[in-house]
């Protein structure tokens, strides 16, 4: 690859997934007001599945704009944001144990969308896309209720949209998925690899 790649995310999960494509990248993040941007997009009628794409672009642009003119010429910045969506409502990161349990109970017995928005920025072009995966939770029976209680007693739910991580204990809540598993983890690596190829070369 003939451009330096910067991942505009501090997520260890995204770092691990991007390393499946290339080990030659750096991590750089900048503070952005995601909640204000999300509220603004919702106010403009942006569909819930596309809000993560807008946030990914915001994150990538914040990093890219902070580079020198020389660095911009030889750098590609990747921004990413993942949303859990049920009935057109975005489930963010839970505030506390009660909020996490409430989210997971609402998701139980239902199918929801996990949408990861990706933004790729170079000095020559900007390319954005959203990958969607359909996730179905088990019914909220006695076992699922107890599982949610035990899961919310761990540290796992609290830094994740929708209060679960499918790559860890949250997998036990999931009946099935339709789509890219890595997308639910936080980065749709198969599609990203192809999109990077089209942007860099």
Protein backbone atom coordinates (compact mmCIF):
# COMPACT_ATOMS: atom_id res chain seq x y z
CA UNK A 1 0.00 0.00 0.00
CA UNK A 2 1.43 3.34 -1.02
CA UNK A 3 -0.27 5.49 1.63
CA UNK A 4 0.18 5.59 5.37
CA UNK A 5 -2.99 4.35 7.05
CA UNK A 6 -4.36 5.93 10.23
CA UNK A 7 -7.23 4.33 12.14
CA UNK A 8 -9.21 7.10 13.84
CA UNK A 9 -10.41 4.84 16.64
CA UNK A 10 -9.08 3.80 20.03
CA UNK A 11 -11.10 0.57 19.97
CA UNK A 12 -8.91 -2.48 20.59
CA UNK A 13 -11.47 -4.57 18.70
CA UNK A 14 -11.16 -2.42 15.57
CA UNK A 15 -7.38 -2.48 15.86
CA UNK A 16 -7.37 -6.28 15.94
CA UNK A 17 -9.75 -6.51 12.99
CA UNK A 18 -7.83 -4.02 10.84
CA UNK A 19 -4.67 -6.04 11.48
CA UNK A 20 -6.31 -8.85 9.47
CA UNK A 21 -5.97 -6.56 6.44
CA UNK A 22 -2.63 -4.91 7.24
CA UNK A 23 -0.26 -4.49 10.18
CA UNK A 24 1.04 -1.25 8.71
CA UNK A 25 -1.18 1.38 10.34
CA UNK A 26 -1.19 3.90 13.16
CA UNK A 27 -3.82 4.88 15.73
CA UNK A 28 -4.79 8.54 16.06
CA UNK A 29 -7.94 10.02 17.59
CA UNK A 30 -9.34 13.48 18.18
CA UNK A 31 -12.19 14.57 20.42
CA UNK A 32 -15.48 15.08 18.59
CA UNK A 33 -18.95 15.86 19.94
CA UNK A 34 -20.71 12.71 18.76
CA UNK A 35 -23.94 13.29 20.65
CA UNK A 36 -24.46 16.79 19.24
CA UNK A 37 -23.72 15.52 15.73
CA UNK A 38 -26.12 12.61 16.20
CA UNK A 39 -28.87 14.94 17.45
CA UNK A 40 -28.29 17.26 14.49
CA UNK A 41 -28.52 14.39 11.99
CA UNK A 42 -31.68 13.07 13.62
CA UNK A 43 -33.16 16.57 13.43
CA UNK A 44 -32.47 16.60 9.69
CA UNK A 45 -34.28 13.28 9.28
CA UNK A 46 -31.18 11.16 8.65
CA UNK A 47 -32.17 7.46 8.79
CA UNK A 48 -30.86 5.69 11.90
CA UNK A 49 -28.79 3.25 9.81
CA UNK A 50 -26.88 6.13 8.20
CA UNK A 51 -26.06 8.09 11.36
CA UNK A 52 -23.05 5.88 12.11
CA UNK A 53 -21.67 6.78 8.68
CA UNK A 54 -21.95 10.48 9.50
CA UNK A 55 -20.19 9.96 12.82
CA UNK A 56 -17.44 7.91 11.14
CA UNK A 57 -16.85 10.80 8.73
CA UNK A 58 -16.75 13.27 11.61
CA UNK A 59 -14.10 11.21 13.42
CA UNK A 60 -12.00 10.66 10.31
CA UNK A 61 -12.18 14.31 9.26
CA UNK A 62 -11.11 15.50 12.74
CA UNK A 63 -7.92 13.44 12.44
CA UNK A 64 -7.27 14.22 8.77
CA UNK A 65 -7.71 17.98 9.26
CA UNK A 66 -5.10 17.91 12.02
CA UNK A 67 -2.41 16.60 9.67
CA UNK A 68 0.08 18.84 7.89
CA UNK A 69 -0.42 19.45 4.17
CA UNK A 70 2.51 17.14 3.43
CA UNK A 71 1.08 14.36 5.63
CA UNK A 72 -2.33 14.67 3.99
CA UNK A 73 -0.81 13.91 0.59
CA UNK A 74 0.47 10.52 1.74
CA UNK A 75 -2.13 9.44 4.31
CA UNK A 76 -5.43 7.60 4.35
CA UNK A 77 -7.61 7.98 7.47
CA UNK A 78 -10.22 5.39 8.42
CA UNK A 79 -13.14 6.47 10.61
CA UNK A 80 -15.66 3.98 12.01
CA UNK A 81 -18.77 4.03 14.16
CA UNK A 82 -21.13 1.20 15.08
CA UNK A 83 -24.80 1.53 15.98
CA UNK A 84 -27.29 -0.99 17.37
CA UNK A 85 -30.75 -0.16 16.02
CA UNK A 86 -34.17 -1.49 17.04
CA UNK A 87 -37.38 -0.02 15.62
CA UNK A 88 -35.37 2.91 14.16
CA UNK A 89 -34.04 3.74 17.65
CA UNK A 90 -30.29 3.84 18.21
CA UNK A 91 -29.05 2.04 21.31
CA UNK A 92 -25.88 3.71 22.57
CA UNK A 93 -23.57 2.66 25.36
CA UNK A 94 -25.45 1.98 28.62
CA UNK A 95 -25.19 4.48 31.45
CA UNK A 96 -25.23 1.86 34.21
CA UNK A 97 -26.22 -1.71 35.06
CA UNK A 98 -29.96 -0.97 35.02
CA UNK A 99 -29.70 0.70 31.62
CA UNK A 100 -27.70 -2.23 30.21
CA UNK A 101 -30.24 -4.76 31.49
CA UNK A 102 -33.11 -2.71 30.04
CA UNK A 103 -31.46 -2.60 26.61
CA UNK A 104 -30.71 -6.33 26.53
CA UNK A 105 -34.24 -7.24 27.63
CA UNK A 106 -35.70 -5.02 24.89
CA UNK A 107 -33.47 -6.70 22.31
CA UNK A 108 -34.46 -10.20 23.48
CA UNK A 109 -36.87 -12.08 21.24
CA UNK A 110 -36.33 -9.50 18.49
CA UNK A 111 -34.20 -8.91 15.43
CA UNK A 112 -32.12 -5.74 15.38
CA UNK A 113 -29.68 -4.12 12.96
CA UNK A 114 -26.02 -3.51 13.69
CA UNK A 115 -24.82 -0.79 11.32
CA UNK A 116 -21.16 0.15 11.04
CA UNK A 117 -20.41 3.30 9.13
CA UNK A 118 -16.97 3.66 7.55
CA UNK A 119 -15.31 6.80 6.18
CA UNK A 120 -12.10 6.73 4.14
CA UNK A 121 -10.37 10.07 3.59
CA UNK A 122 -7.35 10.88 1.44
CA UNK A 123 -6.26 14.15 -0.17
CA UNK A 124 -7.82 12.91 -3.42
CA UNK A 125 -11.16 11.52 -2.30
CA UNK A 126 -13.63 10.73 0.46
CA UNK A 127 -15.50 7.43 0.38
CA UNK A 128 -18.17 6.38 2.87
CA UNK A 129 -20.28 3.26 3.24
CA UNK A 130 -22.42 1.46 5.79
CA UNK A 131 -22.48 -2.29 6.41
CA UNK A 132 -25.57 -3.78 8.06
CA UNK A 133 -25.91 -7.10 9.90
CA UNK A 134 -29.18 -8.49 11.26
CA UNK A 135 -28.88 -9.95 14.77
CA UNK A 136 -31.57 -11.98 16.54
CA UNK A 137 -31.58 -12.49 20.32
CA UNK A 138 -33.14 -15.44 22.12
CA UNK A 139 -36.56 -14.99 23.73
CA UNK A 140 -36.66 -13.40 27.16
CA UNK A 141 -37.26 -16.65 29.05
CA UNK A 142 -35.97 -17.52 32.52
CA UNK A 143 -32.57 -18.54 31.18
CA UNK A 144 -32.13 -15.37 29.09
CA UNK A 145 -33.22 -13.20 32.02
CA UNK A 146 -30.67 -14.84 34.31
CA UNK A 147 -28.01 -14.61 31.61
CA UNK A 148 -28.62 -10.88 31.22
CA UNK A 149 -28.31 -10.40 34.97
CA UNK A 150 -24.99 -12.26 35.09
CA UNK A 151 -23.69 -10.51 31.96
CA UNK A 152 -24.49 -7.07 33.38
CA UNK A 153 -22.45 -7.95 36.47
CA UNK A 154 -19.32 -8.14 34.30
CA UNK A 155 -17.44 -5.18 32.83
CA UNK A 156 -18.32 -6.12 29.25
CA UNK A 157 -21.54 -4.24 28.43
CA UNK A 158 -20.51 -0.73 29.38
CA UNK A 159 -18.26 0.35 26.51
CA UNK A 160 -20.39 -1.19 23.78
CA UNK A 161 -23.34 0.07 21.76
CA UNK A 162 -26.43 -1.92 22.65
CA UNK A 163 -24.72 -3.16 25.83
CA UNK A 164 -23.24 -6.33 24.35
CA UNK A 165 -20.16 -7.66 22.62
CA UNK A 166 -20.85 -10.62 20.33
CA UNK A 167 -17.18 -11.64 20.40
CA UNK A 168 -17.31 -12.29 24.16
CA UNK A 169 -20.00 -13.23 26.68
CA UNK A 170 -22.67 -11.40 24.73
CA UNK A 171 -22.57 -14.23 22.18
CA UNK A 172 -24.69 -16.33 24.55
CA UNK A 173 -27.58 -13.89 24.13
CA UNK A 174 -27.61 -14.27 20.34
CA UNK A 175 -29.73 -16.84 18.54
CA UNK A 176 -28.41 -16.11 15.05
CA UNK A 177 -27.02 -13.44 12.75
CA UNK A 178 -27.54 -12.67 9.08
CA UNK A 179 -24.53 -10.90 7.61
CA UNK A 180 -20.93 -10.10 8.47
CA UNK A 181 -19.89 -11.21 11.99
CA UNK A 182 -16.91 -8.83 12.09
CA UNK A 183 -19.30 -5.95 11.38
CA UNK A 184 -21.08 -6.68 14.68
CA UNK A 185 -17.71 -6.64 16.44
CA UNK A 186 -17.07 -3.16 15.02
CA UNK A 187 -15.34 -3.31 11.62
CA UNK A 188 -16.60 -5.04 8.43
CA UNK A 189 -13.16 -6.26 7.38
CA UNK A 190 -14.10 -8.15 4.21
CA UNK A 191 -15.77 -5.15 2.62
CA UNK A 192 -13.25 -2.72 4.07
CA UNK A 193 -10.36 -4.62 2.46
CA UNK A 194 -11.99 -4.23 -0.94
CA UNK A 195 -12.89 -0.58 -0.41
CA UNK A 196 -9.32 0.22 0.71
CA UNK A 197 -8.02 -1.36 -2.47
CA UNK A 198 -10.25 0.88 -4.58
CA UNK A 199 -9.26 4.05 -2.69
CA UNK A 200 -5.51 3.53 -2.39
CA UNK A 201 -4.71 2.22 -5.86
